[in-house]
């Protein structure tokens, strides 16, 4: 049912010339740095969300050397709101490693790229094809969906067994010419036509040879990830405000949830509030005010956050340790913050709390 690889590539490239996205900010100029940065940001994130973040990053860190020489807190502050913060930490580590090992220029060999922090097989190949215009198969989420439908590959695309099959197809189909355009075309085809729901098969250049379309399996493929009940967790997030209007923040450890970000203090329940304030030698000057709980969804669990606002007395005895900071609200918003913390600080600044 499928067509020969050269014809497949020609059909996809012809469609791309007419309908593909050619004005993405990381395409001009299409440097290794720009492609790498965009590929990391695009992991688990849609193009429309990434564009403003990419533009902010390039304005602040015009070159890989600028990124390598920056402080991790600056990187996390710009990344704030994009999620999956390990990407930002690896981005910074990778820039520093490239600066020291490769004189600030990303290598053009996939095997070398894969040895760098945060770069896997598909990302390495995307950099090689997009930045250096050399043939290299990619397998991001969009391409997985296209190939799973085109070849009617059953099974969850995140499993090693299915990925092995999809990689074989991806490598067989990748042409020896127009490498940058072809990989972008495959990503665009998945993002714009072969979408998760309601694929636009009438607009697809390879629809006539697609096995899923022939067998009316578009809605069933790719096979969904086996569902597991996500654990539910809860915490109280403390909004401690001193007489100067400053808010107490904790810098999280480098690894783990919200690693390296500035967060509001968390306790398991309101009963442990007294123990917490005693530990930091804080005296409350008002009764704790519990806000409406909010739900934040992580990949592996759901977290119900109960914000608790507390006014505290001035305390000359309390000196912040390395990971505790008193910051004015406007300064807080300039730091790297998890999305729920940013929302709470913004709410605190709204007229209702003034």
C-alpha atoms as a PDB file:
ATOM      1  CA  UNK A   1       0.000   0.000   0.000  1.00  0.00           C
ATOM      2  CA  UNK A   2       2.812   2.445   0.867  1.00  0.00           C
ATOM      3  CA  UNK A   3       4.680   4.130  -1.977  1.00  0.00           C
ATOM      4  CA  UNK A   4       8.466   3.963  -2.581  1.00  0.00           C
ATOM      5  CA  UNK A   5      10.503   6.160  -0.248  1.00  0.00           C
ATOM      6  CA  UNK A   6      11.591   8.658  -2.942  1.00  0.00           C
ATOM      7  CA  UNK A   7       7.984   9.259  -3.998  1.00  0.00           C
ATOM      8  CA  UNK A   8       6.888   9.619  -0.348  1.00  0.00           C
ATOM      9  CA  UNK A   9       9.554  12.284   0.224  1.00  0.00           C
ATOM     10  CA  UNK A  10       8.687  14.106  -2.991  1.00  0.00           C
ATOM     11  CA  UNK A  11       4.997  14.227  -2.057  1.00  0.00           C
ATOM     12  CA  UNK A  12       5.759  15.543   1.441  1.00  0.00           C
ATOM     13  CA  UNK A  13       8.265  18.120   0.143  1.00  0.00           C
ATOM     14  CA  UNK A  14       5.862  19.323  -2.550  1.00  0.00           C
ATOM     15  CA  UNK A  15       3.165  19.838   0.081  1.00  0.00           C
ATOM     16  CA  UNK A  16       5.651  21.665   2.317  1.00  0.00           C
ATOM     17  CA  UNK A  17       6.589  24.120  -0.427  1.00  0.00           C
ATOM     18  CA  UNK A  18       2.943  25.168  -0.691  1.00  0.00           C
ATOM     19  CA  UNK A  19       1.675  24.866   2.868  1.00  0.00           C
ATOM     20  CA  UNK A  20       4.569  24.417   5.311  1.00  0.00           C
ATOM     21  CA  UNK A  21       5.721  26.844   7.996  1.00  0.00           C
ATOM     22  CA  UNK A  22       8.710  28.756   6.632  1.00  0.00           C
ATOM     23  CA  UNK A  23       8.564  31.855   8.829  1.00  0.00           C
ATOM     24  CA  UNK A  24       9.382  30.353  12.229  1.00  0.00           C
ATOM     25  CA  UNK A  25      11.817  32.589  14.150  1.00  0.00           C
ATOM     26  CA  UNK A  26      14.476  29.867  14.464  1.00  0.00           C
ATOM     27  CA  UNK A  27      14.654  29.488  10.682  1.00  0.00           C
ATOM     28  CA  UNK A  28      16.302  32.845  10.025  1.00  0.00           C
ATOM     29  CA  UNK A  29      19.134  32.401  10.517  1.00  0.00           C
ATOM     30  CA  UNK A  30      18.930  28.628  10.852  1.00  0.00           C
ATOM     31  CA  UNK A  31      21.996  28.185  13.042  1.00  0.00           C
ATOM     32  CA  UNK A  32      22.884  25.267  15.264  1.00  0.00           C
ATOM     33  CA  UNK A  33      22.203  27.396  18.333  1.00  0.00           C
ATOM     34  CA  UNK A  34      18.777  28.512  17.108  1.00  0.00           C
ATOM     35  CA  UNK A  35      17.719  25.015  16.039  1.00  0.00           C
ATOM     36  CA  UNK A  36      18.945  23.414  19.263  1.00  0.00           C
ATOM     37  CA  UNK A  37      17.201  25.997  21.453  1.00  0.00           C
ATOM     38  CA  UNK A  38      13.927  25.628  19.522  1.00  0.00           C
ATOM     39  CA  UNK A  39      14.068  21.819  19.616  1.00  0.00           C
ATOM     40  CA  UNK A  40      14.497  21.781  23.398  1.00  0.00           C
ATOM     41  CA  UNK A  41      11.651  24.267  23.869  1.00  0.00           C
ATOM     42  CA  UNK A  42       9.369  22.335  21.501  1.00  0.00           C
ATOM     43  CA  UNK A  43       9.618  19.139  23.547  1.00  0.00           C
ATOM     44  CA  UNK A  44       6.131  18.604  25.027  1.00  0.00           C
ATOM     45  CA  UNK A  45       5.195  22.163  23.971  1.00  0.00           C
ATOM     46  CA  UNK A  46       3.344  23.618  20.987  1.00  0.00           C
ATOM     47  CA  UNK A  47       4.914  26.024  18.496  1.00  0.00           C
ATOM     48  CA  UNK A  48       2.576  28.920  19.335  1.00  0.00           C
ATOM     49  CA  UNK A  49       3.592  28.708  22.999  1.00  0.00           C
ATOM     50  CA  UNK A  50       7.298  28.427  22.214  1.00  0.00           C
ATOM     51  CA  UNK A  51       7.663  31.407  19.835  1.00  0.00           C
ATOM     52  CA  UNK A  52       7.521  34.227  22.453  1.00  0.00           C
ATOM     53  CA  UNK A  53       9.833  32.295  24.796  1.00  0.00           C
ATOM     54  CA  UNK A  54      12.313  31.684  21.991  1.00  0.00           C
ATOM     55  CA  UNK A  55      12.301  35.351  21.049  1.00  0.00           C
ATOM     56  CA  UNK A  56      12.876  36.396  24.679  1.00  0.00           C
ATOM     57  CA  UNK A  57      15.757  33.941  24.993  1.00  0.00           C
ATOM     58  CA  UNK A  58      17.474  35.120  21.816  1.00  0.00           C
ATOM     59  CA  UNK A  59      17.067  38.759  22.873  1.00  0.00           C
ATOM     60  CA  UNK A  60      18.662  38.001  26.262  1.00  0.00           C
ATOM     61  CA  UNK A  61      21.184  35.381  25.079  1.00  0.00           C
ATOM     62  CA  UNK A  62      21.995  36.175  21.417  1.00  0.00           C
ATOM     63  CA  UNK A  63      24.712  33.519  21.243  1.00  0.00           C
ATOM     64  CA  UNK A  64      25.451  30.170  22.807  1.00  0.00           C
ATOM     65  CA  UNK A  65      28.382  31.798  24.593  1.00  0.00           C
ATOM     66  CA  UNK A  66      26.015  34.320  26.195  1.00  0.00           C
ATOM     67  CA  UNK A  67      23.884  31.455  27.473  1.00  0.00           C
ATOM     68  CA  UNK A  68      26.916  29.534  28.734  1.00  0.00           C
ATOM     69  CA  UNK A  69      28.173  32.581  30.635  1.00  0.00           C
ATOM     70  CA  UNK A  70      24.802  33.325  32.231  1.00  0.00           C
ATOM     71  CA  UNK A  71      23.612  32.434  35.702  1.00  0.00           C
ATOM     72  CA  UNK A  72      21.165  29.520  35.975  1.00  0.00           C
ATOM     73  CA  UNK A  73      18.714  31.783  37.817  1.00  0.00           C
ATOM     74  CA  UNK A  74      18.564  34.066  34.762  1.00  0.00           C
ATOM     75  CA  UNK A  75      17.797  31.071  32.549  1.00  0.00           C
ATOM     76  CA  UNK A  76      15.083  29.765  34.872  1.00  0.00           C
ATOM     77  CA  UNK A  77      13.507  33.236  35.118  1.00  0.00           C
ATOM     78  CA  UNK A  78      13.138  33.397  31.314  1.00  0.00           C
ATOM     79  CA  UNK A  79      11.879  29.799  31.225  1.00  0.00           C
ATOM     80  CA  UNK A  80       9.279  30.453  33.928  1.00  0.00           C
ATOM     81  CA  UNK A  81       5.849  29.301  32.744  1.00  0.00           C
ATOM     82  CA  UNK A  82       7.127  26.989  29.994  1.00  0.00           C
ATOM     83  CA  UNK A  83       7.219  23.977  32.332  1.00  0.00           C
ATOM     84  CA  UNK A  84       9.410  20.853  32.370  1.00  0.00           C
ATOM     85  CA  UNK A  85      12.196  22.830  34.039  1.00  0.00           C
ATOM     86  CA  UNK A  86      14.782  20.065  33.703  1.00  0.00           C
ATOM     87  CA  UNK A  87      14.944  21.207  30.073  1.00  0.00           C
ATOM     88  CA  UNK A  88      16.170  24.638  31.160  1.00  0.00           C
ATOM     89  CA  UNK A  89      18.752  23.200  33.552  1.00  0.00           C
ATOM     90  CA  UNK A  90      20.065  20.835  30.868  1.00  0.00           C
ATOM     91  CA  UNK A  91      20.062  23.673  28.350  1.00  0.00           C
ATOM     92  CA  UNK A  92      22.377  25.676  30.584  1.00  0.00           C
ATOM     93  CA  UNK A  93      24.634  22.680  31.295  1.00  0.00           C
ATOM     94  CA  UNK A  94      24.772  21.840  27.591  1.00  0.00           C
ATOM     95  CA  UNK A  95      25.742  25.401  26.635  1.00  0.00           C
ATOM     96  CA  UNK A  96      28.572  25.359  29.169  1.00  0.00           C
ATOM     97  CA  UNK A  97      29.783  21.971  27.932  1.00  0.00           C
ATOM     98  CA  UNK A  98      29.719  23.078  24.283  1.00  0.00           C
ATOM     99  CA  UNK A  99      31.595  26.249  25.208  1.00  0.00           C
ATOM    100  CA  UNK A 100      34.336  24.265  26.941  1.00  0.00           C
ATOM    101  CA  UNK A 101      34.538  21.238  24.619  1.00  0.00           C
ATOM    102  CA  UNK A 102      33.665  22.614  21.176  1.00  0.00           C
ATOM    103  CA  UNK A 103      34.724  26.273  21.312  1.00  0.00           C
ATOM    104  CA  UNK A 104      31.107  27.392  21.553  1.00  0.00           C
ATOM    105  CA  UNK A 105      29.847  25.706  18.365  1.00  0.00           C
ATOM    106  CA  UNK A 106      27.504  22.721  18.448  1.00  0.00           C
ATOM    107  CA  UNK A 107      29.057  19.692  16.712  1.00  0.00           C
ATOM    108  CA  UNK A 108      27.462  18.583  13.441  1.00  0.00           C
ATOM    109  CA  UNK A 109      27.681  14.861  14.268  1.00  0.00           C
ATOM    110  CA  UNK A 110      24.621  13.264  15.856  1.00  0.00           C
ATOM    111  CA  UNK A 111      26.637  10.827  17.995  1.00  0.00           C
ATOM    112  CA  UNK A 112      28.523  13.721  19.593  1.00  0.00           C
ATOM    113  CA  UNK A 113      25.352  15.727  20.123  1.00  0.00           C
ATOM    114  CA  UNK A 114      23.714  12.794  21.924  1.00  0.00           C
ATOM    115  CA  UNK A 115      26.484  12.884  24.533  1.00  0.00           C
ATOM    116  CA  UNK A 116      25.447  16.398  25.583  1.00  0.00           C
ATOM    117  CA  UNK A 117      22.935  17.072  28.416  1.00  0.00           C
ATOM    118  CA  UNK A 118      19.293  17.036  27.350  1.00  0.00           C
ATOM    119  CA  UNK A 119      19.881  15.889  23.759  1.00  0.00           C
ATOM    120  CA  UNK A 120      18.432  12.562  22.687  1.00  0.00           C
ATOM    121  CA  UNK A 121      18.471  10.761  19.357  1.00  0.00           C
ATOM    122  CA  UNK A 122      15.638  12.660  17.660  1.00  0.00           C
ATOM    123  CA  UNK A 123      16.827  16.070  18.900  1.00  0.00           C
ATOM    124  CA  UNK A 124      20.389  15.340  17.755  1.00  0.00           C
ATOM    125  CA  UNK A 125      19.149  14.317  14.308  1.00  0.00           C
ATOM    126  CA  UNK A 126      16.908  17.377  14.102  1.00  0.00           C
ATOM    127  CA  UNK A 127      19.913  19.626  14.755  1.00  0.00           C
ATOM    128  CA  UNK A 128      22.001  17.817  12.129  1.00  0.00           C
ATOM    129  CA  UNK A 129      19.270  18.001   9.493  1.00  0.00           C
ATOM    130  CA  UNK A 130      17.850  21.426  10.310  1.00  0.00           C
ATOM    131  CA  UNK A 131      21.070  23.334  11.032  1.00  0.00           C
ATOM    132  CA  UNK A 132      23.525  21.499   8.786  1.00  0.00           C
ATOM    133  CA  UNK A 133      21.120  20.236   6.068  1.00  0.00           C
ATOM    134  CA  UNK A 134      22.401  16.668   6.322  1.00  0.00           C
ATOM    135  CA  UNK A 135      20.095  13.630   6.077  1.00  0.00           C
ATOM    136  CA  UNK A 136      19.027  12.430   9.517  1.00  0.00           C
ATOM    137  CA  UNK A 137      15.754  10.793  10.523  1.00  0.00           C
ATOM    138  CA  UNK A 138      13.705  12.384  13.306  1.00  0.00           C
ATOM    139  CA  UNK A 139      10.949  10.937  15.464  1.00  0.00           C
ATOM    140  CA  UNK A 140       9.226  13.614  17.527  1.00  0.00           C
ATOM    141  CA  UNK A 141       5.588  13.354  18.586  1.00  0.00           C
ATOM    142  CA  UNK A 142       4.231  14.705  15.310  1.00  0.00           C
ATOM    143  CA  UNK A 143       6.338  12.365  13.162  1.00  0.00           C
ATOM    144  CA  UNK A 144       5.424   9.375  15.314  1.00  0.00           C
ATOM    145  CA  UNK A 145       1.751  10.111  14.671  1.00  0.00           C
ATOM    146  CA  UNK A 146       2.223  10.434  10.898  1.00  0.00           C
ATOM    147  CA  UNK A 147       4.198   7.195  10.618  1.00  0.00           C
ATOM    148  CA  UNK A 148       1.990   5.226  13.012  1.00  0.00           C
ATOM    149  CA  UNK A 149      -1.004   6.049  10.829  1.00  0.00           C
ATOM    150  CA  UNK A 150       0.732   5.763   7.480  1.00  0.00           C
ATOM    151  CA  UNK A 151       2.008   2.256   8.229  1.00  0.00           C
ATOM    152  CA  UNK A 152      -0.871   1.327  10.603  1.00  0.00           C
ATOM    153  CA  UNK A 153       1.556   0.578  13.430  1.00  0.00           C
ATOM    154  CA  UNK A 154      -0.343  -0.600  16.485  1.00  0.00           C
ATOM    155  CA  UNK A 155       0.810  -0.120  20.070  1.00  0.00           C
ATOM    156  CA  UNK A 156       1.697   2.879  22.196  1.00  0.00           C
ATOM    157  CA  UNK A 157       4.350   4.954  20.406  1.00  0.00           C
ATOM    158  CA  UNK A 158       6.223   5.501  23.682  1.00  0.00           C
ATOM    159  CA  UNK A 159       7.077   1.804  24.029  1.00  0.00           C
ATOM    160  CA  UNK A 160      10.545   0.632  22.995  1.00  0.00           C
ATOM    161  CA  UNK A 161       9.106  -2.028  20.680  1.00  0.00           C
ATOM    162  CA  UNK A 162       6.932   0.397  18.718  1.00  0.00           C
ATOM    163  CA  UNK A 163       9.618   3.073  18.628  1.00  0.00           C
ATOM    164  CA  UNK A 164      12.040   0.578  17.081  1.00  0.00           C
ATOM    165  CA  UNK A 165       9.571  -0.032  14.259  1.00  0.00           C
ATOM    166  CA  UNK A 166       8.906   3.680  13.771  1.00  0.00           C
ATOM    167  CA  UNK A 167      12.629   4.486  13.676  1.00  0.00           C
ATOM    168  CA  UNK A 168      13.089   1.901  10.938  1.00  0.00           C
ATOM    169  CA  UNK A 169      10.342   3.524   8.877  1.00  0.00           C
ATOM    170  CA  UNK A 170      11.675   7.026   9.548  1.00  0.00           C
ATOM    171  CA  UNK A 171      15.176   6.099   8.412  1.00  0.00           C
ATOM    172  CA  UNK A 172      13.946   4.297   5.284  1.00  0.00           C
ATOM    173  CA  UNK A 173      11.859   7.290   4.216  1.00  0.00           C
ATOM    174  CA  UNK A 174      14.379  10.071   4.906  1.00  0.00           C
ATOM    175  CA  UNK A 175      15.743  11.313   1.553  1.00  0.00           C
ATOM    176  CA  UNK A 176      19.384  12.123   0.792  1.00  0.00           C
ATOM    177  CA  UNK A 177      18.425  15.617  -0.394  1.00  0.00           C
ATOM    178  CA  UNK A 178      16.562  18.629   1.090  1.00  0.00           C
ATOM    179  CA  UNK A 179      17.227  17.382   4.619  1.00  0.00           C
ATOM    180  CA  UNK A 180      16.200  20.553   6.455  1.00  0.00           C
ATOM    181  CA  UNK A 181      13.017  20.992   4.448  1.00  0.00           C
ATOM    182  CA  UNK A 182      12.053  17.322   4.743  1.00  0.00           C
ATOM    183  CA  UNK A 183      12.329  17.131   8.526  1.00  0.00           C
ATOM    184  CA  UNK A 184      10.403  20.400   8.887  1.00  0.00           C
ATOM    185  CA  UNK A 185       7.822  19.099   6.418  1.00  0.00           C
ATOM    186  CA  UNK A 186       7.245  15.933   8.462  1.00  0.00           C
ATOM    187  CA  UNK A 187       6.845  17.946  11.667  1.00  0.00           C
ATOM    188  CA  UNK A 188       4.457  20.361   9.950  1.00  0.00           C
ATOM    189  CA  UNK A 189       2.453  17.530   8.407  1.00  0.00           C
ATOM    190  CA  UNK A 190       1.841  16.073  11.865  1.00  0.00           C
ATOM    191  CA  UNK A 191       1.108  19.432  13.473  1.00  0.00           C
ATOM    192  CA  UNK A 192      -1.124  20.866  10.748  1.00  0.00           C
ATOM    193  CA  UNK A 193      -2.763  17.930   8.920  1.00  0.00           C
ATOM    194  CA  UNK A 194      -2.263  14.585  10.665  1.00  0.00           C
ATOM    195  CA  UNK A 195      -3.476  15.993  13.983  1.00  0.00           C
ATOM    196  CA  UNK A 196      -4.385  14.022  17.103  1.00  0.00           C
ATOM    197  CA  UNK A 197      -8.102  14.447  16.608  1.00  0.00           C
ATOM    198  CA  UNK A 198      -9.954  15.042  13.352  1.00  0.00           C
ATOM    199  CA  UNK A 199      -7.006  14.625  10.975  1.00  0.00           C
ATOM    200  CA  UNK A 200      -7.466  16.532   7.699  1.00  0.00           C
ATOM    201  CA  UNK A 201      -7.039  13.551   5.407  1.00  0.00           C
ATOM    202  CA  UNK A 202      -8.437  15.423   2.390  1.00  0.00           C
ATOM    203  CA  UNK A 203      -5.494  17.848   2.674  1.00  0.00           C
ATOM    204  CA  UNK A 204      -2.828  15.187   3.206  1.00  0.00           C
ATOM    205  CA  UNK A 205      -0.297  14.620   0.402  1.00  0.00           C
ATOM    206  CA  UNK A 206       0.194  10.942   1.333  1.00  0.00           C
ATOM    207  CA  UNK A 207      -3.437  10.064   2.059  1.00  0.00           C
ATOM    208  CA  UNK A 208      -3.823   7.831  -0.985  1.00  0.00           C
ATOM    209  CA  UNK A 209      -1.156   5.438   0.294  1.00  0.00           C
ATOM    210  CA  UNK A 210      -1.930   5.748   4.024  1.00  0.00           C
ATOM    211  CA  UNK A 211      -2.877   2.407   5.583  1.00  0.00           C
ATOM    212  CA  UNK A 212      -4.837   3.948   8.441  1.00  0.00           C
ATOM    213  CA  UNK A 213      -7.018   5.857   5.971  1.00  0.00           C
ATOM    214  CA  UNK A 214      -7.501   2.773   3.821  1.00  0.00           C
ATOM    215  CA  UNK A 215      -8.637   0.789   6.841  1.00  0.00           C
ATOM    216  CA  UNK A 216     -10.496   3.693   8.498  1.00  0.00           C
ATOM    217  CA  UNK A 217      -8.235   3.552  11.554  1.00  0.00           C
ATOM    218  CA  UNK A 218      -7.329   7.246  11.834  1.00  0.00           C
ATOM    219  CA  UNK A 219      -9.255   7.699  15.076  1.00  0.00           C
ATOM    220  CA  UNK A 220      -7.691   4.576  16.611  1.00  0.00           C
ATOM    221  CA  UNK A 221      -4.071   5.295  15.728  1.00  0.00           C
ATOM    222  CA  UNK A 222      -1.660   6.017  17.230  1.00  0.00           C
ATOM    223  CA  UNK A 223      -2.678   3.685  20.036  1.00  0.00           C
ATOM    224  CA  UNK A 224      -3.256   5.752  23.212  1.00  0.00           C
ATOM    225  CA  UNK A 225      -0.909   5.384  26.139  1.00  0.00           C
ATOM    226  CA  UNK A 226      -2.222   2.798  28.631  1.00  0.00           C
ATOM    227  CA  UNK A 227      -4.070   4.734  31.296  1.00  0.00           C
ATOM    228  CA  UNK A 228      -2.972   4.717  34.900  1.00  0.00           C
ATOM    229  CA  UNK A 229      -4.754   6.537  37.660  1.00  0.00           C
ATOM    230  CA  UNK A 230      -2.656   9.581  38.518  1.00  0.00           C
ATOM    231  CA  UNK A 231      -1.861   9.914  42.233  1.00  0.00           C
ATOM    232  CA  UNK A 232      -3.435  12.904  43.974  1.00  0.00           C
ATOM    233  CA  UNK A 233      -1.314  14.923  46.394  1.00  0.00           C
ATOM    234  CA  UNK A 234      -1.975  18.051  48.409  1.00  0.00           C
ATOM    235  CA  UNK A 235      -0.054  20.754  50.242  1.00  0.00           C
ATOM    236  CA  UNK A 236      -0.438  24.167  51.837  1.00  0.00           C
ATOM    237  CA  UNK A 237       1.547  26.948  50.181  1.00  0.00           C
ATOM    238  CA  UNK A 238       2.378  29.800  52.558  1.00  0.00           C
ATOM    239  CA  UNK A 239       2.220  33.434  51.480  1.00  0.00           C
ATOM    240  CA  UNK A 240       4.170  35.026  54.335  1.00  0.00           C
ATOM    241  CA  UNK A 241       4.222  38.833  54.123  1.00  0.00           C
ATOM    242  CA  UNK A 242       6.336  40.994  56.450  1.00  0.00           C
ATOM    243  CA  UNK A 243       5.590  44.629  57.491  1.00  0.00           C
ATOM    244  CA  UNK A 244       7.593  45.919  54.495  1.00  0.00           C
ATOM    245  CA  UNK A 245       5.332  43.995  52.129  1.00  0.00           C
ATOM    246  CA  UNK A 246       8.053  41.501  51.230  1.00  0.00           C
ATOM    247  CA  UNK A 247       7.224  37.856  50.622  1.00  0.00           C
ATOM    248  CA  UNK A 248       9.219  34.883  51.875  1.00  0.00           C
ATOM    249  CA  UNK A 249      10.466  32.590  49.116  1.00  0.00           C
ATOM    250  CA  UNK A 250      12.486  29.411  49.137  1.00  0.00           C
ATOM    251  CA  UNK A 251      14.914  28.455  46.389  1.00  0.00           C
ATOM    252  CA  UNK A 252      14.313  24.810  45.558  1.00  0.00           C
ATOM    253  CA  UNK A 253      17.158  22.271  45.312  1.00  0.00           C
ATOM    254  CA  UNK A 254      18.670  21.985  41.803  1.00  0.00           C
ATOM    255  CA  UNK A 255      16.958  18.673  41.013  1.00  0.00           C
ATOM    256  CA  UNK A 256      13.427  17.406  41.514  1.00  0.00           C
ATOM    257  CA  UNK A 257      10.055  19.129  41.096  1.00  0.00           C
ATOM    258  CA  UNK A 258      10.527  22.834  40.308  1.00  0.00           C
ATOM    259  CA  UNK A 259      14.286  22.342  40.710  1.00  0.00           C
ATOM    260  CA  UNK A 260      16.191  25.595  41.035  1.00  0.00           C
ATOM    261  CA  UNK A 261      13.050  27.759  41.028  1.00  0.00           C
ATOM    262  CA  UNK A 262      11.886  30.230  43.659  1.00  0.00           C
ATOM    263  CA  UNK A 263       8.826  28.878  45.487  1.00  0.00           C
ATOM    264  CA  UNK A 264       6.533  29.776  48.320  1.00  0.00           C
ATOM    265  CA  UNK A 265       7.161  27.645  51.407  1.00  0.00           C
ATOM    266  CA  UNK A 266       5.145  24.425  51.459  1.00  0.00           C
ATOM    267  CA  UNK A 267       3.838  22.430  54.408  1.00  0.00           C
ATOM    268  CA  UNK A 268       1.806  19.253  54.470  1.00  0.00           C
ATOM    269  CA  UNK A 269      -1.099  20.706  56.425  1.00  0.00           C
ATOM    270  CA  UNK A 270      -2.083  23.752  58.412  1.00  0.00           C
ATOM    271  CA  UNK A 271      -1.381  21.967  61.688  1.00  0.00           C
ATOM    272  CA  UNK A 272       2.359  22.061  60.882  1.00  0.00           C
ATOM    273  CA  UNK A 273       2.239  25.854  60.438  1.00  0.00           C
ATOM    274  CA  UNK A 274       3.228  26.530  64.060  1.00  0.00           C
ATOM    275  CA  UNK A 275       6.219  24.227  63.745  1.00  0.00           C
ATOM    276  CA  UNK A 276       7.320  25.926  60.520  1.00  0.00           C
ATOM    277  CA  UNK A 277       7.084  29.498  61.867  1.00  0.00           C
ATOM    278  CA  UNK A 278       8.897  28.433  65.048  1.00  0.00           C
ATOM    279  CA  UNK A 279      11.690  26.890  63.017  1.00  0.00           C
ATOM    280  CA  UNK A 280      12.235  30.176  61.145  1.00  0.00           C
ATOM    281  CA  UNK A 281      11.621  32.309  64.247  1.00  0.00           C
ATOM    282  CA  UNK A 282       8.622  34.066  62.720  1.00  0.00           C
ATOM    283  CA  UNK A 283       5.719  35.541  64.663  1.00  0.00           C
ATOM    284  CA  UNK A 284       2.329  35.855  63.023  1.00  0.00           C
ATOM    285  CA  UNK A 285       0.560  39.196  63.362  1.00  0.00           C
ATOM    286  CA  UNK A 286      -2.703  37.991  61.804  1.00  0.00           C
ATOM    287  CA  UNK A 287      -4.806  34.872  61.673  1.00  0.00           C
ATOM    288  CA  UNK A 288      -3.930  32.618  58.719  1.00  0.00           C
ATOM    289  CA  UNK A 289      -6.228  33.307  55.752  1.00  0.00           C
ATOM    290  CA  UNK A 290      -6.815  30.242  53.605  1.00  0.00           C
ATOM    291  CA  UNK A 291      -7.557  30.951  49.933  1.00  0.00           C
ATOM    292  CA  UNK A 292      -9.561  28.835  47.547  1.00  0.00           C
ATOM    293  CA  UNK A 293      -7.604  25.630  46.753  1.00  0.00           C
ATOM    294  CA  UNK A 294      -6.158  25.361  43.251  1.00  0.00           C
ATOM    295  CA  UNK A 295      -5.302  22.283  41.189  1.00  0.00           C
ATOM    296  CA  UNK A 296      -1.974  21.983  39.373  1.00  0.00           C
ATOM    297  CA  UNK A 297      -1.437  19.018  37.058  1.00  0.00           C
ATOM    298  CA  UNK A 298       1.976  17.438  36.688  1.00  0.00           C
ATOM    299  CA  UNK A 299       2.734  14.654  34.220  1.00  0.00           C
ATOM    300  CA  UNK A 300       2.727  11.984  36.908  1.00  0.00           C
ATOM    301  CA  UNK A 301       0.437  13.369  39.620  1.00  0.00           C
ATOM    302  CA  UNK A 302      -2.113  16.065  40.456  1.00  0.00           C
ATOM    303  CA  UNK A 303      -1.356  18.546  43.222  1.00  0.00           C
ATOM    304  CA  UNK A 304      -4.076  20.392  45.136  1.00  0.00           C
ATOM    305  CA  UNK A 305      -2.600  23.564  46.608  1.00  0.00           C
ATOM    306  CA  UNK A 306      -4.263  25.432  49.460  1.00  0.00           C
ATOM    307  CA  UNK A 307      -2.696  28.915  49.626  1.00  0.00           C
ATOM    308  CA  UNK A 308      -2.497  30.387  53.133  1.00  0.00           C
ATOM    309  CA  UNK A 309      -1.794  34.118  53.530  1.00  0.00           C
ATOM    310  CA  UNK A 310      -0.164  35.224  56.791  1.00  0.00           C
ATOM    311  CA  UNK A 311       1.094  38.602  57.962  1.00  0.00           C
ATOM    312  CA  UNK A 312       4.236  38.256  60.101  1.00  0.00           C
ATOM    313  CA  UNK A 313       5.872  40.658  62.532  1.00  0.00           C
ATOM    314  CA  UNK A 314       9.262  42.188  61.876  1.00  0.00           C
ATOM    315  CA  UNK A 315      11.899  39.879  63.271  1.00  0.00           C
ATOM    316  CA  UNK A 316      15.477  41.082  63.538  1.00  0.00           C
ATOM    317  CA  UNK A 317      16.603  37.663  64.729  1.00  0.00           C
ATOM    318  CA  UNK A 318      15.646  35.930  61.511  1.00  0.00           C
ATOM    319  CA  UNK A 319      18.424  36.006  58.936  1.00  0.00           C
ATOM    320  CA  UNK A 320      17.662  34.239  55.665  1.00  0.00           C
ATOM    321  CA  UNK A 321      19.787  31.193  54.998  1.00  0.00           C
ATOM    322  CA  UNK A 322      21.133  30.466  51.531  1.00  0.00           C
ATOM    323  CA  UNK A 323      17.812  29.197  50.228  1.00  0.00           C
ATOM    324  CA  UNK A 324      15.418  31.680  51.924  1.00  0.00           C
ATOM    325  CA  UNK A 325      14.724  35.152  50.524  1.00  0.00           C
ATOM    326  CA  UNK A 326      12.488  38.098  51.438  1.00  0.00           C
ATOM    327  CA  UNK A 327      11.520  39.786  48.158  1.00  0.00           C
ATOM    328  CA  UNK A 328       9.150  42.569  47.173  1.00  0.00           C
ATOM    329  CA  UNK A 329       6.264  41.326  45.032  1.00  0.00           C
ATOM    330  CA  UNK A 330       7.502  43.075  41.869  1.00  0.00           C
ATOM    331  CA  UNK A 331      10.955  41.498  42.357  1.00  0.00           C
ATOM    332  CA  UNK A 332       9.363  38.100  42.913  1.00  0.00           C
ATOM    333  CA  UNK A 333       7.722  38.241  39.494  1.00  0.00           C
ATOM    334  CA  UNK A 334      11.114  38.776  37.866  1.00  0.00           C
ATOM    335  CA  UNK A 335      12.428  35.494  39.284  1.00  0.00           C
ATOM    336  CA  UNK A 336      12.061  31.989  37.930  1.00  0.00           C
ATOM    337  CA  UNK A 337       8.738  30.825  39.351  1.00  0.00           C
ATOM    338  CA  UNK A 338       6.524  27.762  38.870  1.00  0.00           C
ATOM    339  CA  UNK A 339       3.218  28.663  37.241  1.00  0.00           C
ATOM    340  CA  UNK A 340       1.051  28.253  40.394  1.00  0.00           C
ATOM    341  CA  UNK A 341       3.394  30.454  42.443  1.00  0.00           C
ATOM    342  CA  UNK A 342       3.324  33.157  39.772  1.00  0.00           C
ATOM    343  CA  UNK A 343      -0.483  33.052  39.762  1.00  0.00           C
ATOM    344  CA  UNK A 344      -0.610  33.440  43.558  1.00  0.00           C
ATOM    345  CA  UNK A 345       1.800  36.389  43.608  1.00  0.00           C
ATOM    346  CA  UNK A 346      -0.156  38.086  40.814  1.00  0.00           C
ATOM    347  CA  UNK A 347      -3.375  37.514  42.757  1.00  0.00           C
ATOM    348  CA  UNK A 348      -1.767  39.015  45.868  1.00  0.00           C
ATOM    349  CA  UNK A 349      -1.065  42.180  43.883  1.00  0.00           C
ATOM    350  CA  UNK A 350      -4.647  42.504  42.635  1.00  0.00           C
ATOM    351  CA  UNK A 351      -6.794  45.328  44.116  1.00  0.00           C
ATOM    352  CA  UNK A 352      -8.824  42.948  46.253  1.00  0.00           C
ATOM    353  CA  UNK A 353      -5.750  42.269  48.413  1.00  0.00           C
ATOM    354  CA  UNK A 354      -4.397  45.820  48.525  1.00  0.00           C
END
